[in-house]
Amino acid sequence: MYGGPPEDAALFPYWFASILPIADDEKYVLLRTTSVRERLKITAQWIRRMEAQRW
């Protein structure tokens, strides 16, 4: 449905946001961020938060 992850690092955060069960208001932060590096940091924070929720 979503296809595989893009090879372009600039597109990856948007693809990742589309497949994760993250609240829309958190996803909107990606749209306001102009730096690819910052968008990747945001997605890394999502991953760390999800890993911390596992039992």
N, C-alpha and C. Protein backbone atom coordinates (compact mmCIF):
# COMPACT_ATOMS: atom_id res chain seq x y z
N MET A 1 0.82 -1.19 0.00
CA MET A 1 0.00 0.00 0.00
C MET A 1 0.87 1.26 0.00
N TYR A 2 1.88 1.31 0.84
CA TYR A 2 2.74 2.49 0.92
C TYR A 2 3.99 2.36 0.07
N GLY A 3 4.27 1.18 -0.41
CA GLY A 3 5.50 0.96 -1.15
C GLY A 3 6.69 0.85 -0.21
N GLY A 4 7.83 0.59 -0.77
CA GLY A 4 9.04 0.49 0.04
C GLY A 4 9.55 1.87 0.41
N PRO A 5 10.51 1.90 1.33
CA PRO A 5 11.06 3.19 1.74
C PRO A 5 11.82 3.85 0.59
N PRO A 6 11.72 5.16 0.49
CA PRO A 6 12.43 5.87 -0.58
C PRO A 6 13.93 5.87 -0.31
N GLU A 7 14.70 5.94 -1.35
CA GLU A 7 16.15 6.02 -1.20
C GLU A 7 16.62 7.44 -0.89
N ASP A 8 15.81 8.40 -1.21
CA ASP A 8 16.13 9.80 -0.97
C ASP A 8 15.86 10.15 0.50
N ALA A 9 16.89 10.56 1.22
CA ALA A 9 16.76 10.89 2.65
C ALA A 9 15.78 12.02 2.89
N ALA A 10 15.62 12.91 1.92
CA ALA A 10 14.69 14.02 2.08
C ALA A 10 13.24 13.55 2.09
N LEU A 11 12.95 12.45 1.43
CA LEU A 11 11.59 11.93 1.36
C LEU A 11 11.27 10.92 2.46
N PHE A 12 12.30 10.33 3.04
CA PHE A 12 12.10 9.27 4.02
C PHE A 12 11.21 9.69 5.20
N PRO A 13 11.44 10.85 5.84
CA PRO A 13 10.58 11.19 6.99
C PRO A 13 9.10 11.26 6.65
N TYR A 14 8.78 11.75 5.45
CA TYR A 14 7.37 11.82 5.06
C TYR A 14 6.78 10.43 4.84
N TRP A 15 7.55 9.56 4.22
CA TRP A 15 7.10 8.18 4.03
C TRP A 15 6.91 7.50 5.38
N PHE A 16 7.89 7.68 6.24
CA PHE A 16 7.85 7.06 7.56
C PHE A 16 6.64 7.55 8.36
N ALA A 17 6.37 8.84 8.30
CA ALA A 17 5.21 9.40 9.01
C ALA A 17 3.91 8.83 8.48
N SER A 18 3.89 8.48 7.21
CA SER A 18 2.65 7.95 6.63
C SER A 18 2.34 6.54 7.10
N ILE A 19 3.35 5.79 7.56
CA ILE A 19 3.10 4.41 7.97
C ILE A 19 3.06 4.22 9.48
N LEU A 20 3.52 5.21 10.24
CA LEU A 20 3.54 5.07 11.70
C LEU A 20 2.23 5.51 12.32
N PRO A 21 1.86 4.88 13.42
CA PRO A 21 0.65 5.31 14.15
C PRO A 21 0.98 6.49 15.07
N ILE A 22 1.32 7.61 14.47
CA ILE A 22 1.69 8.84 15.18
C ILE A 22 0.55 9.84 14.99
N ALA A 23 0.28 10.64 16.04
CA ALA A 23 -0.78 11.65 15.95
C ALA A 23 -0.48 12.65 14.84
N ASP A 24 -1.52 13.12 14.20
CA ASP A 24 -1.35 14.06 13.09
C ASP A 24 -0.61 15.33 13.51
N ASP A 25 -0.88 15.84 14.71
CA ASP A 25 -0.20 17.07 15.12
C ASP A 25 1.30 16.88 15.22
N GLU A 26 1.76 15.68 15.52
CA GLU A 26 3.19 15.40 15.53
C GLU A 26 3.74 15.32 14.10
N LYS A 27 2.95 14.80 13.20
CA LYS A 27 3.36 14.70 11.81
C LYS A 27 3.48 16.09 11.17
N TYR A 28 2.63 17.01 11.58
CA TYR A 28 2.66 18.36 11.03
C TYR A 28 3.97 19.07 11.32
N VAL A 29 4.66 18.67 12.37
CA VAL A 29 5.95 19.26 12.71
C VAL A 29 6.93 19.07 11.55
N LEU A 30 6.82 17.95 10.86
CA LEU A 30 7.70 17.71 9.71
C LEU A 30 7.51 18.76 8.63
N LEU A 31 6.29 19.20 8.45
CA LEU A 31 6.00 20.17 7.39
C LEU A 31 6.61 21.53 7.69
N ARG A 32 6.71 21.87 8.97
CA ARG A 32 7.29 23.17 9.35
C ARG A 32 8.81 23.15 9.37
N THR A 33 9.39 21.97 9.35
CA THR A 33 10.84 21.83 9.46
C THR A 33 11.46 21.91 8.07
N THR A 34 12.45 22.79 7.91
CA THR A 34 13.06 22.98 6.60
C THR A 34 14.31 22.14 6.40
N SER A 35 14.88 21.64 7.47
CA SER A 35 16.12 20.87 7.39
C SER A 35 15.84 19.37 7.32
N VAL A 36 16.44 18.71 6.36
CA VAL A 36 16.30 17.26 6.25
C VAL A 36 16.84 16.60 7.52
N ARG A 37 17.96 17.10 7.99
CA ARG A 37 18.57 16.54 9.21
C ARG A 37 17.61 16.63 10.40
N GLU A 38 16.94 17.76 10.55
CA GLU A 38 15.99 17.91 11.66
C GLU A 38 14.80 16.97 11.50
N ARG A 39 14.33 16.80 10.27
CA ARG A 39 13.21 15.86 10.05
C ARG A 39 13.63 14.43 10.40
N LEU A 40 14.86 14.07 10.05
CA LEU A 40 15.35 12.73 10.40
C LEU A 40 15.50 12.58 11.91
N LYS A 41 15.89 13.64 12.59
CA LYS A 41 15.99 13.61 14.06
C LYS A 41 14.61 13.39 14.68
N ILE A 42 13.61 14.05 14.12
CA ILE A 42 12.24 13.90 14.62
C ILE A 42 11.79 12.45 14.48
N THR A 43 12.03 11.85 13.32
CA THR A 43 11.62 10.45 13.13
C THR A 43 12.41 9.52 14.05
N ALA A 44 13.66 9.85 14.32
CA ALA A 44 14.45 9.04 15.26
C ALA A 44 13.87 9.14 16.66
N GLN A 45 13.37 10.30 17.05
CA GLN A 45 12.71 10.46 18.35
C GLN A 45 11.46 9.59 18.43
N TRP A 46 10.72 9.53 17.34
CA TRP A 46 9.52 8.69 17.31
C TRP A 46 9.90 7.23 17.56
N ILE A 47 10.97 6.79 16.91
CA ILE A 47 11.42 5.40 17.06
C ILE A 47 11.83 5.14 18.50
N ARG A 48 12.61 6.03 19.08
CA ARG A 48 13.04 5.85 20.47
C ARG A 48 11.85 5.80 21.41
N ARG A 49 10.86 6.65 21.18
CA ARG A 49 9.67 6.66 22.04
C ARG A 49 8.90 5.34 21.90
N MET A 50 8.78 4.84 20.67
CA MET A 50 8.05 3.59 20.47
C MET A 50 8.81 2.42 21.10
N GLU A 51 10.13 2.42 21.01
CA GLU A 51 10.91 1.36 21.63
C GLU A 51 10.78 1.39 23.15
N ALA A 52 10.69 2.57 23.74
CA ALA A 52 10.55 2.70 25.18
C ALA A 52 9.18 2.21 25.65
N GLN A 53 8.19 2.23 24.78
CA GLN A 53 6.85 1.78 25.14
C GLN A 53 6.70 0.27 25.13
N ARG A 54 7.63 -0.41 24.47
CA ARG A 54 7.54 -1.87 24.42
C ARG A 54 7.77 -2.46 25.80
N TRP A 55 7.19 -3.64 26.05
CA TRP A 55 7.38 -4.28 27.35
C TRP A 55 8.14 -5.52 27.15
